């Protein structure tokens, strides 16, 4: 089953959503997966580092639904479209750039999550109609306990957000990093130690100054 996305570009979260939505099974919850075109597309780690005002490592300590982003959509249920969001809290263990402190919990905004099927807020729709999970390409949902290095900028609602998918690196249990997207920007650190990622980010930052 496919349908055209009717979500409007929203400057508040610097994402332009386009293309088609594909529905497929994810356990018992249908998943909506769509291509996401971010406003910022770094060409290399230097550009990513320069964009971020905060770069931290830390552990995800909580993940909760945030307030929906609501846009007018005549013809849709309630004449509106709702985009779910997530509120992630990350406990900082190390700071590479910015004014965050080790031990601080930072609030991170993410587009995606569990959505109601009828244009109504999650939890208020007809329970006979199944909800669905919205995932943006290149930006999987966070899970409690995961470790990340994140390159962050100001986001909506007083939170931070990643600069782009190229600003999110999962730290594995063996200390290596796995970027959430595998492309020319992230290839030099894929599978390398988090220390090597720190070194490259610090080097590119110094070179950009």
Protein backbone atom coordinates (compact mmCIF):
# COMPACT_ATOMS: atom_id res chain seq x y z
CA UNK A 1 0.00 0.00 0.00
CA UNK A 2 1.38 3.39 -0.96
CA UNK A 3 0.15 6.93 -0.80
CA UNK A 4 1.54 10.36 -1.56
CA UNK A 5 2.92 12.32 1.34
CA UNK A 6 0.95 15.47 1.98
CA UNK A 7 3.15 16.78 4.80
CA UNK A 8 4.23 20.34 4.23
CA UNK A 9 7.88 21.43 4.49
CA UNK A 10 8.39 22.56 8.09
CA UNK A 11 11.20 25.01 8.77
CA UNK A 12 10.72 24.42 12.49
CA UNK A 13 12.51 21.11 12.23
CA UNK A 14 14.57 21.68 9.06
CA UNK A 15 13.25 18.72 7.16
CA UNK A 16 11.63 18.63 3.75
CA UNK A 17 9.58 15.47 3.38
CA UNK A 18 8.92 14.22 -0.11
CA UNK A 19 8.20 11.14 -2.18
CA UNK A 20 6.03 8.19 -1.24
CA UNK A 21 5.25 6.34 1.94
CA UNK A 22 5.65 2.57 2.04
CA UNK A 23 3.70 0.53 4.56
CA UNK A 24 5.15 -2.78 5.73
CA UNK A 25 5.01 -5.05 8.75
CA UNK A 26 7.11 -4.33 11.83
CA UNK A 27 6.02 -6.87 14.39
CA UNK A 28 2.36 -6.10 14.89
CA UNK A 29 2.70 -2.40 14.07
CA UNK A 30 2.64 -1.21 10.44
CA UNK A 31 5.57 1.02 9.59
CA UNK A 32 5.54 4.12 7.41
CA UNK A 33 8.96 4.65 5.87
CA UNK A 34 9.71 7.69 3.75
CA UNK A 35 12.64 9.45 2.19
CA UNK A 36 13.64 12.56 4.10
CA UNK A 37 15.53 15.41 2.51
CA UNK A 38 17.36 17.39 5.19
CA UNK A 39 18.06 21.08 4.68
CA UNK A 40 21.73 20.53 5.51
CA UNK A 41 23.86 18.08 3.52
CA UNK A 42 27.48 18.08 4.73
CA UNK A 43 30.07 17.19 2.11
CA UNK A 44 32.56 15.95 4.71
CA UNK A 45 33.18 15.72 8.45
CA UNK A 46 34.65 19.23 8.49
CA UNK A 47 31.36 20.72 7.33
CA UNK A 48 29.43 18.58 9.80
CA UNK A 49 31.68 19.65 12.68
CA UNK A 50 31.43 23.31 11.70
CA UNK A 51 27.63 23.17 11.60
CA UNK A 52 27.26 21.64 15.08
CA UNK A 53 27.52 23.95 18.07
CA UNK A 54 27.54 20.94 20.41
CA UNK A 55 29.22 17.55 19.96
CA UNK A 56 28.80 15.07 22.78
CA UNK A 57 29.00 11.40 23.66
CA UNK A 58 26.46 9.88 25.96
CA UNK A 59 23.86 7.25 26.76
CA UNK A 60 20.15 7.40 25.93
CA UNK A 61 18.35 7.41 29.27
CA UNK A 62 14.78 7.99 28.09
CA UNK A 63 12.70 8.02 24.93
CA UNK A 64 9.16 9.42 25.00
CA UNK A 65 6.61 10.70 22.47
CA UNK A 66 6.78 14.44 21.88
CA UNK A 67 4.04 16.76 20.70
CA UNK A 68 2.89 16.14 17.13
CA UNK A 69 3.81 18.60 14.40
CA UNK A 70 0.45 19.63 12.95
CA UNK A 71 0.00 21.03 9.44
CA UNK A 72 -3.18 22.00 7.59
CA UNK A 73 -4.18 19.39 5.02
CA UNK A 74 -7.64 19.98 3.49
CA UNK A 75 -9.32 16.71 2.66
CA UNK A 76 -7.44 14.75 5.29
CA UNK A 77 -9.19 13.66 8.52
CA UNK A 78 -9.83 16.78 10.62
CA UNK A 79 -8.28 18.74 7.70
CA UNK A 80 -4.85 18.28 9.19
CA UNK A 81 -1.81 16.06 9.01
CA UNK A 82 0.11 15.04 12.12
CA UNK A 83 3.77 14.13 12.20
CA UNK A 84 4.83 12.32 15.39
CA UNK A 85 8.00 13.33 17.21
CA UNK A 86 10.24 11.84 19.87
CA UNK A 87 11.82 13.44 22.95
CA UNK A 88 15.14 11.76 23.71
CA UNK A 89 17.21 12.41 26.80
CA UNK A 90 20.93 11.75 26.54
CA UNK A 91 23.20 11.69 29.59
CA UNK A 92 26.48 13.24 28.50
CA UNK A 93 29.68 11.34 29.24
CA UNK A 94 32.13 13.41 27.17
CA UNK A 95 32.07 16.77 25.38
CA UNK A 96 34.04 17.38 22.19
CA UNK A 97 32.55 20.77 21.33
CA UNK A 98 30.22 23.24 23.02
CA UNK A 99 29.13 24.18 26.52
CA UNK A 100 27.54 20.93 27.65
CA UNK A 101 28.99 19.27 30.74
CA UNK A 102 29.73 15.64 31.55
CA UNK A 103 26.85 14.29 33.63
CA UNK A 104 24.35 16.72 32.11
CA UNK A 105 21.18 15.36 30.51
CA UNK A 106 20.44 17.02 27.17
CA UNK A 107 17.06 16.96 25.42
CA UNK A 108 17.12 15.85 21.78
CA UNK A 109 14.28 16.27 19.28
CA UNK A 110 13.55 13.67 16.60
CA UNK A 111 10.90 13.48 13.91
CA UNK A 112 9.16 10.11 13.83
CA UNK A 113 7.45 7.71 16.18
CA UNK A 114 4.04 6.21 16.77
CA UNK A 115 1.27 8.00 14.87
CA UNK A 116 -2.50 7.85 15.00
CA UNK A 117 -4.11 6.69 11.73
CA UNK A 118 -6.91 9.21 11.44
CA UNK A 119 -5.26 12.58 11.90
CA UNK A 120 -5.96 12.47 15.62
CA UNK A 121 -3.34 12.62 18.37
CA UNK A 122 -1.97 9.22 19.35
CA UNK A 123 -4.14 7.70 22.07
CA UNK A 124 -7.31 9.53 20.98
CA UNK A 125 -8.08 7.73 17.71
CA UNK A 126 -10.59 4.95 17.21
CA UNK A 127 -8.95 1.98 18.93
CA UNK A 128 -10.32 -0.33 16.24
CA UNK A 129 -7.96 1.30 13.74
CA UNK A 130 -4.33 0.36 14.20
CA UNK A 131 -1.68 3.00 14.73
CA UNK A 132 1.51 3.00 12.67
CA UNK A 133 5.15 3.79 13.20
CA UNK A 134 6.73 6.61 11.20
CA UNK A 135 10.43 6.23 10.42
CA UNK A 136 12.45 8.75 8.44
CA UNK A 137 15.08 7.31 6.13
CA UNK A 138 18.50 7.57 7.71
CA UNK A 139 17.15 8.42 11.16
CA UNK A 140 16.10 5.28 13.08
CA UNK A 141 14.38 5.67 16.41
CA UNK A 142 16.55 5.77 19.52
CA UNK A 143 16.49 3.09 22.21
CA UNK A 144 17.21 3.44 25.92
CA UNK A 145 20.71 2.26 26.75
CA UNK A 146 22.25 3.06 23.38
CA UNK A 147 25.49 5.06 23.30
CA UNK A 148 26.05 7.79 20.72
CA UNK A 149 28.26 10.59 19.59
CA UNK A 150 25.91 13.31 18.35
CA UNK A 151 26.60 16.49 16.43
CA UNK A 152 23.86 18.87 17.54
CA UNK A 153 22.30 22.22 16.71
CA UNK A 154 19.30 24.11 18.06
CA UNK A 155 16.00 22.35 17.50
CA UNK A 156 12.34 23.19 18.14
CA UNK A 157 10.73 23.53 21.57
CA UNK A 158 13.99 24.41 23.28
CA UNK A 159 15.59 21.07 22.45
CA UNK A 160 18.61 20.11 20.37
CA UNK A 161 18.59 18.03 17.21
CA UNK A 162 21.20 16.30 15.08
CA UNK A 163 22.53 18.41 12.21
CA UNK A 164 21.70 15.61 9.75
CA UNK A 165 21.96 11.81 9.74
CA UNK A 166 25.71 12.30 9.21
CA UNK A 167 25.86 13.78 12.71
CA UNK A 168 24.76 10.62 14.51
CA UNK A 169 27.18 7.81 15.36
CA UNK A 170 26.24 4.73 17.38
CA UNK A 171 28.99 3.65 19.77
CA UNK A 172 29.16 -0.14 19.88
CA UNK A 173 29.97 -2.17 23.00
CA UNK A 174 33.52 -2.76 21.69
CA UNK A 175 34.16 0.98 21.38
CA UNK A 176 33.84 1.22 17.60
CA UNK A 177 31.38 3.54 15.88
CA UNK A 178 28.65 2.81 13.37
CA UNK A 179 27.25 5.85 11.54
CA UNK A 180 23.49 5.68 10.98
CA UNK A 181 24.15 6.46 7.31
CA UNK A 182 26.95 4.93 5.28
CA UNK A 183 28.19 7.42 2.69
CA UNK A 184 31.22 9.43 1.61
CA UNK A 185 30.95 11.67 4.69
CA UNK A 186 31.03 8.85 7.24
CA UNK A 187 33.06 6.15 5.51
CA UNK A 188 36.39 7.23 7.03
CA UNK A 189 35.18 6.45 10.56
CA UNK A 190 32.87 3.49 9.98
CA UNK A 191 34.05 0.62 12.17
CA UNK A 192 36.84 2.73 13.68
CA UNK A 193 37.24 3.45 17.38
CA UNK A 194 35.32 6.31 18.96
CA UNK A 195 38.74 7.79 19.71
CA UNK A 196 39.47 7.95 15.98
CA UNK A 197 36.14 9.71 15.40
CA UNK A 198 37.05 12.19 18.15
CA UNK A 199 40.44 12.75 16.52
CA UNK A 200 38.97 13.36 13.08
CA UNK A 201 36.29 15.70 14.43
CA UNK A 202 38.90 17.64 16.45
CA UNK A 203 41.24 17.79 13.45
CA UNK A 204 38.57 18.98 11.05
CA UNK A 205 37.46 21.55 13.59
CA UNK A 206 40.98 22.93 13.94
CA UNK A 207 41.39 23.00 10.16
CA UNK A 208 38.14 24.93 9.74
CA UNK A 209 39.25 27.69 12.12
